[in-house]
Amino acid sequence: MGYSGDTFLVVENFDVSSVFTPVVSADTGYWTGSISCQPSWSASAFTIPLGGVDSNGTAWMLQKVEGWDSPPTAVGQVIQRSADHGGWAAAQYYGPRMITLTVMASAPTQALRDVARAQLQQAVPFSDLGTFIYNEPVPKLAYVRRNATSTIGETYPTLCDVIFSIPLVAPDPRKYAVAAQTESSVTNTIVTPTTLPSSGSPAAWLPVTFAAGVPPGTQGVIAVNSGTFETRPTITVQGPITSPSVINGSTGQAVTFTGLVLTASDTLVLSMDSRQAFKDGVFVPADSSSAWFVIEPGTSVIYMTGTGAAGSVLSMTWASAYV
């Protein structure tokens, strides 16, 4: 109705029959990753998709990562020389890695914001170890749990948003490649000792030179560590074999079990990190002369020897490591 009583017809040209649902945006690119934890009592892992949107429509944004550059040096010192200038460089080792994440959760509603708060508490373990994956150009992961001396801080810029400050500790200072590698080989032949003739024709004259690496006829595994720091594999030996020896052909170090008998149904698992071995889940000691080895950056050859080894299997699982 106009000022003087005139009537004007207006045609609506927009749709009011549907409900508009806002789409929450999330960061993409290198600032993505995840925090996850697999409790023993749960059939599935609790996972926070950093740089993504979860099933509730909540966007998780990874805003800052601290402690990803280098782990601290916790043990080691330079010892002053007696009655002389300078010092002696004693052994030095990395300590646990301290990581702090700044994460923002942007939820469609205030109620879903509180759901996101509970989800994060479940995904960041306080006793077990979870995984933090950071999608750099070469994605890497660290095994973490919350730092016992700190709390997960929360601030609320709006009713639907919450910003978390997450203090984490990685007992293992290494950063690992996300995809682990597994290689195995089957021993098809039995290697017998070589006897050198002392007389007759042809005679063996010393010195005798043998090729480095894996002895002829021995099945080995080639391990490539593409990282910048040593990594510690898990090695599995499936029988039959007696007195197995697992040897790093690149360094000559060996872990031996003199007199140990593995049948075709027995499995021996060696953890090069904890330096322990278990036969069918029961601890067995290695020989006192054993040298527990690591896989240095580059290529290493790991092989196995023993008696009655035809048909035995050597398997190794590892991940490239970085600091």
Protein backbone atom coordinates (compact mmCIF):
# COMPACT_ATOMS: atom_id res chain seq x y z
CA MET A 1 0.00 0.00 0.00
CA GLY A 2 1.57 3.23 -1.13
CA TYR A 3 1.41 6.61 0.58
CA SER A 4 -1.75 7.64 -1.30
CA GLY A 5 -3.43 4.27 -1.09
CA ASP A 6 -1.88 2.79 -4.26
CA THR A 7 -1.20 -0.95 -4.35
CA PHE A 8 2.02 -2.42 -5.84
CA LEU A 9 2.38 -6.06 -6.71
CA VAL A 10 5.75 -7.63 -5.93
CA VAL A 11 6.84 -11.07 -7.17
CA GLU A 12 9.16 -13.10 -4.91
CA ASN A 13 12.09 -14.43 -6.91
CA PHE A 14 13.93 -16.50 -4.24
CA ASP A 15 13.20 -19.95 -2.84
CA VAL A 16 12.05 -20.05 0.80
CA SER A 17 10.93 -23.68 0.79
CA SER A 18 14.33 -25.19 1.74
CA VAL A 19 16.46 -24.73 4.85
CA PHE A 20 19.96 -23.29 4.41
CA THR A 21 22.67 -25.37 6.10
CA PRO A 22 25.99 -23.60 6.60
CA VAL A 23 29.11 -25.54 5.67
CA VAL A 24 31.95 -25.25 8.16
CA SER A 25 35.31 -24.73 6.50
CA ALA A 26 38.54 -26.35 7.62
CA ASP A 27 42.19 -25.69 6.90
CA THR A 28 43.82 -27.75 4.19
CA GLY A 29 47.32 -28.08 2.82
CA TYR A 30 50.30 -28.96 5.01
CA TRP A 31 48.48 -28.05 8.22
CA THR A 32 46.65 -31.34 8.35
CA GLY A 33 47.07 -34.57 10.23
CA SER A 34 45.37 -36.43 13.05
CA ILE A 35 45.46 -37.38 16.71
CA SER A 36 44.31 -40.91 17.49
CA CYS A 37 44.21 -43.39 20.33
CA GLN A 38 43.18 -47.05 20.33
CA PRO A 39 42.07 -48.05 23.87
CA SER A 40 42.18 -51.75 24.68
CA TRP A 41 38.49 -51.72 25.59
CA SER A 42 37.29 -50.10 22.34
CA ALA A 43 36.74 -51.86 19.03
CA SER A 44 37.73 -48.74 17.08
CA ALA A 45 40.17 -45.90 17.57
CA PHE A 46 39.24 -42.38 18.67
CA THR A 47 40.51 -40.06 15.94
CA ILE A 48 40.53 -36.28 15.53
CA PRO A 49 40.89 -35.26 11.83
CA LEU A 50 43.12 -32.19 12.01
CA GLY A 51 42.49 -30.00 9.00
CA GLY A 52 39.21 -31.78 8.28
CA VAL A 53 35.54 -32.01 9.23
CA ASP A 54 34.24 -34.89 11.34
CA SER A 55 30.89 -36.69 11.12
CA ASN A 56 29.24 -34.08 13.38
CA GLY A 57 30.18 -31.24 11.02
CA THR A 58 32.84 -29.93 13.40
CA ALA A 59 35.93 -28.49 11.72
CA TRP A 60 39.26 -29.23 13.37
CA MET A 61 42.01 -26.74 12.54
CA LEU A 62 45.66 -27.32 13.44
CA GLN A 63 46.90 -23.80 14.14
CA LYS A 64 50.34 -24.38 15.62
CA VAL A 65 52.88 -27.16 16.26
CA GLU A 66 55.69 -26.59 18.76
CA GLY A 67 58.49 -29.06 19.49
CA TRP A 68 58.52 -30.62 16.04
CA ASP A 69 61.94 -29.20 15.15
CA SER A 70 64.41 -31.09 17.36
CA PRO A 71 64.22 -33.17 20.53
CA PRO A 72 66.16 -31.95 23.57
CA THR A 73 69.52 -33.38 24.56
CA ALA A 74 68.82 -34.75 28.01
CA VAL A 75 71.82 -36.93 28.84
CA GLY A 76 75.50 -36.23 28.24
CA GLN A 77 78.13 -33.66 29.00
CA VAL A 78 81.63 -32.46 28.22
CA ILE A 79 84.03 -33.42 31.00
CA GLN A 80 86.80 -30.97 31.82
CA ARG A 81 90.28 -32.31 31.16
CA SER A 82 92.50 -32.64 34.20
CA ALA A 83 95.26 -30.01 34.28
CA ASP A 84 94.62 -29.18 30.64
CA HIS A 85 92.52 -26.95 28.43
CA GLY A 86 89.23 -28.11 26.97
CA GLY A 87 87.25 -31.22 27.77
CA TRP A 88 86.37 -34.76 26.79
CA ALA A 89 83.17 -35.31 24.82
CA ALA A 90 81.24 -37.96 26.74
CA ALA A 91 78.37 -39.91 25.16
CA GLN A 92 75.28 -37.78 24.57
CA TYR A 93 71.67 -38.86 23.94
CA TYR A 94 68.34 -37.31 23.00
CA GLY A 95 65.63 -37.02 25.62
CA PRO A 96 61.86 -37.37 25.16
CA ARG A 97 60.31 -34.98 22.63
CA MET A 98 57.98 -32.33 24.07
CA ILE A 99 55.20 -31.26 21.66
CA THR A 100 52.48 -28.64 22.11
CA LEU A 101 49.57 -28.44 19.66
CA THR A 102 47.19 -25.52 19.24
CA VAL A 103 43.95 -26.86 17.78
CA MET A 104 40.67 -25.05 17.10
CA ALA A 105 37.33 -26.86 16.86
CA SER A 106 34.52 -24.98 15.10
CA ALA A 107 31.18 -26.73 15.63
CA PRO A 108 27.74 -26.02 14.09
CA THR A 109 26.15 -25.67 17.56
CA GLN A 110 27.20 -25.14 21.14
CA ALA A 111 26.10 -28.67 22.03
CA LEU A 112 28.32 -30.15 19.30
CA ARG A 113 31.17 -27.98 20.56
CA ASP A 114 30.90 -29.79 23.89
CA VAL A 115 30.83 -33.12 22.07
CA ALA A 116 34.07 -32.10 20.37
CA ARG A 117 35.61 -31.30 23.75
CA ALA A 118 34.80 -34.81 24.98
CA GLN A 119 36.10 -36.37 21.77
CA LEU A 120 39.46 -34.68 22.15
CA GLN A 121 39.83 -35.92 25.73
CA GLN A 122 39.33 -39.48 24.47
CA ALA A 123 41.72 -39.12 21.53
CA VAL A 124 44.66 -37.84 23.62
CA PRO A 125 45.74 -40.72 25.90
CA PHE A 126 47.06 -40.09 29.39
CA SER A 127 48.61 -43.52 30.02
CA ASP A 128 48.78 -45.46 26.74
CA LEU A 129 50.54 -44.12 23.66
CA GLY A 130 48.57 -42.63 20.80
CA THR A 131 49.73 -41.29 17.45
CA PHE A 132 50.12 -37.74 16.22
CA ILE A 133 50.39 -37.57 12.42
CA TYR A 134 51.61 -34.35 10.87
CA ASN A 135 51.17 -34.13 7.10
CA GLU A 136 54.30 -32.34 6.04
CA PRO A 137 55.36 -32.79 2.41
CA VAL A 138 56.75 -36.08 3.74
CA PRO A 139 54.14 -37.10 6.37
CA LYS A 140 55.52 -38.27 9.70
CA LEU A 141 54.15 -39.54 13.00
CA ALA A 142 55.17 -39.58 16.65
CA TYR A 143 53.94 -41.82 19.45
CA VAL A 144 52.61 -39.51 22.15
CA ARG A 145 50.54 -39.11 25.28
CA ARG A 146 49.58 -36.05 27.28
CA ASN A 147 52.26 -34.52 29.46
CA ALA A 148 51.54 -35.50 33.05
CA THR A 149 52.66 -32.12 34.41
CA SER A 150 50.24 -30.07 32.28
CA THR A 151 46.57 -29.92 31.39
CA ILE A 152 44.73 -29.49 28.10
CA GLY A 153 43.79 -25.82 28.08
CA GLU A 154 40.53 -24.55 26.54
CA THR A 155 39.46 -21.05 25.50
CA TYR A 156 36.14 -20.08 23.90
CA PRO A 157 36.24 -17.26 21.32
CA THR A 158 32.54 -17.90 20.47
CA LEU A 159 29.74 -20.13 21.72
CA CYS A 160 30.47 -22.68 18.97
CA ASP A 161 34.27 -22.53 18.90
CA VAL A 162 36.92 -23.81 21.29
CA ILE A 163 40.71 -23.50 21.09
CA PHE A 164 42.76 -26.27 22.71
CA SER A 165 46.36 -26.12 23.92
CA ILE A 166 47.48 -29.76 24.01
CA PRO A 167 50.75 -30.60 25.82
CA LEU A 168 52.21 -33.91 24.61
CA VAL A 169 55.29 -35.95 25.37
CA ALA A 170 56.82 -38.46 22.95
CA PRO A 171 59.00 -40.90 24.96
CA ASP A 172 60.62 -41.92 21.67
CA PRO A 173 62.12 -38.71 20.21
CA ARG A 174 62.07 -40.09 16.66
CA LYS A 175 59.59 -39.01 14.00
CA TYR A 176 58.64 -41.98 11.84
CA ALA A 177 57.39 -42.41 8.31
CA VAL A 178 53.64 -43.00 8.39
CA ALA A 179 53.89 -46.17 6.29
CA ALA A 180 55.93 -48.95 7.89
CA GLN A 181 57.82 -51.38 5.67
CA THR A 182 57.83 -55.18 5.87
CA GLU A 183 60.13 -57.60 4.05
CA SER A 184 60.63 -61.34 4.41
CA SER A 185 62.62 -64.17 2.89
CA VAL A 186 62.49 -67.96 2.98
CA THR A 187 65.63 -70.01 3.48
CA ASN A 188 65.71 -72.53 0.64
CA THR A 189 69.17 -73.96 1.18
CA ILE A 190 71.29 -74.94 4.14
CA VAL A 191 74.67 -73.28 4.34
CA THR A 192 77.44 -75.64 5.49
CA PRO A 193 80.86 -74.46 6.70
CA THR A 194 83.58 -74.22 4.07
CA THR A 195 86.67 -76.36 4.65
CA LEU A 196 89.89 -75.06 3.17
CA PRO A 197 92.35 -77.73 1.94
CA SER A 198 95.73 -77.61 3.69
CA SER A 199 97.58 -79.62 1.06
CA GLY A 200 97.19 -81.20 -2.30
CA SER A 201 96.00 -79.55 -5.45
CA PRO A 202 94.58 -76.99 -5.41
CA ALA A 203 95.94 -75.72 -2.08
CA ALA A 204 94.52 -72.69 -0.24
CA TRP A 205 97.03 -69.96 0.39
CA LEU A 206 96.40 -67.28 3.03
CA PRO A 207 95.21 -64.61 3.15
CA VAL A 208 91.83 -65.60 1.67
CA THR A 209 89.35 -62.83 0.83
CA PHE A 210 85.56 -63.37 1.02
CA ALA A 211 82.84 -61.10 -0.31
CA ALA A 212 81.20 -58.76 2.25
CA GLY A 213 77.53 -58.88 3.12
CA VAL A 214 75.40 -61.98 2.95
CA PRO A 215 77.15 -65.36 2.65
CA PRO A 216 76.43 -67.25 -0.58
CA GLY A 217 73.24 -69.30 -0.41
CA THR A 218 71.84 -67.38 2.57
CA GLN A 219 68.48 -65.63 2.22
CA GLY A 220 68.55 -62.01 3.37
CA VAL A 221 66.33 -58.95 3.68
CA ILE A 222 67.28 -55.56 2.27
CA ALA A 223 66.15 -52.74 4.57
CA VAL A 224 66.10 -49.13 3.37
CA ASN A 225 65.92 -46.37 5.99
CA SER A 226 65.03 -43.24 4.02
CA GLY A 227 65.17 -41.03 7.11
CA THR A 228 67.93 -39.10 8.86
CA PHE A 229 68.30 -41.16 12.06
CA GLU A 230 68.67 -44.80 13.07
CA THR A 231 65.52 -46.91 13.40
CA ARG A 232 64.96 -50.10 15.38
CA PRO A 233 63.11 -52.91 13.62
CA THR A 234 61.05 -55.82 14.85
CA ILE A 235 62.39 -59.09 13.46
CA THR A 236 60.47 -62.38 13.33
CA VAL A 237 61.98 -65.83 12.80
CA GLN A 238 59.61 -68.65 11.83
CA GLY A 239 61.04 -72.16 12.28
CA PRO A 240 62.23 -74.75 11.67
CA ILE A 241 65.74 -73.74 12.73
CA THR A 242 68.22 -74.55 15.48
CA SER A 243 70.60 -72.00 17.04
CA PRO A 244 69.34 -69.09 14.95
CA SER A 245 71.54 -66.04 14.44
CA VAL A 246 70.19 -62.77 13.05
CA ILE A 247 73.01 -60.75 11.52
CA ASN A 248 73.37 -57.22 10.19
CA GLY A 249 75.51 -57.87 7.14
CA SER A 250 76.34 -54.16 6.84
CA THR A 251 77.98 -53.95 10.28
CA GLY A 252 78.69 -57.56 11.27
CA GLN A 253 76.61 -57.28 14.46
CA ALA A 254 74.69 -60.43 15.38
CA VAL A 255 72.03 -61.54 17.85
CA THR A 256 72.48 -65.26 18.53
CA PHE A 257 70.57 -67.98 20.37
CA THR A 258 72.87 -70.97 20.82
CA GLY A 259 70.94 -74.19 21.41
CA LEU A 260 67.49 -72.68 20.83
CA VAL A 261 65.25 -74.99 18.79
CA LEU A 262 62.36 -73.64 16.74
CA THR A 263 59.99 -76.12 15.14
CA ALA A 264 57.92 -75.26 12.08
CA SER A 265 55.14 -73.98 14.37
CA ASP A 266 57.41 -71.83 16.58
CA THR A 267 57.99 -68.11 16.20
CA LEU A 268 60.81 -66.03 17.66
CA VAL A 269 60.21 -62.26 17.82
CA LEU A 270 63.14 -59.89 18.38
CA SER A 271 62.54 -56.26 19.40
CA MET A 272 65.63 -54.25 18.55
CA ASP A 273 64.21 -51.36 20.57
CA SER A 274 63.69 -53.13 23.92
CA ARG A 275 66.50 -55.61 23.14
CA GLN A 276 64.38 -58.57 24.11
CA ALA A 277 63.26 -61.75 22.34
CA PHE A 278 60.16 -63.90 22.82
CA LYS A 279 59.56 -67.44 21.62
CA ASP A 280 55.82 -68.00 21.19
CA GLY A 281 55.21 -65.14 23.64
CA VAL A 282 57.66 -66.40 26.30
CA PHE A 283 60.87 -64.47 26.98
CA VAL A 284 64.10 -66.15 25.89
CA PRO A 285 67.55 -64.63 26.51
CA ALA A 286 69.99 -64.06 23.68
CA ASP A 287 73.62 -65.07 24.04
CA SER A 288 75.60 -62.67 26.25
CA SER A 289 77.91 -61.98 23.30
CA SER A 290 75.04 -60.71 21.15
CA ALA A 291 75.10 -57.19 19.70
CA TRP A 292 71.61 -55.71 19.32
CA PHE A 293 71.77 -53.57 16.20
CA VAL A 294 69.89 -50.68 14.62
CA ILE A 295 69.19 -49.77 11.00
CA GLU A 296 71.16 -46.68 10.08
CA PRO A 297 70.03 -44.30 7.30
CA GLY A 298 70.63 -45.86 3.92
CA THR A 299 70.56 -49.53 2.93
CA SER A 300 71.28 -52.46 5.26
CA VAL A 301 71.25 -56.19 4.61
CA ILE A 302 69.88 -58.45 7.36
CA TYR A 303 70.22 -62.23 7.14
CA MET A 304 69.86 -65.34 9.26
CA THR A 305 71.95 -68.45 9.81
CA GLY A 306 71.40 -71.66 11.74
CA THR A 307 71.16 -75.41 11.32
CA GLY A 308 68.20 -77.24 9.85
CA ALA A 309 67.00 -73.91 8.47
CA ALA A 310 65.47 -75.06 5.17
CA GLY A 311 61.97 -73.57 4.98
CA SER A 312 62.48 -71.09 7.83
CA VAL A 313 61.30 -67.51 7.31
CA LEU A 314 62.99 -64.26 8.29
CA SER A 315 60.66 -61.23 8.42
CA MET A 316 61.40 -57.64 9.41
CA THR A 317 59.19 -54.61 9.99
CA TRP A 318 60.56 -51.07 10.34
CA ALA A 319 59.82 -47.46 9.56
CA SER A 320 62.20 -44.77 8.37
CA ALA A 321 63.13 -42.46 11.26
CA TYR A 322 63.83 -38.71 11.54
CA VAL A 323 64.82 -36.26 14.29
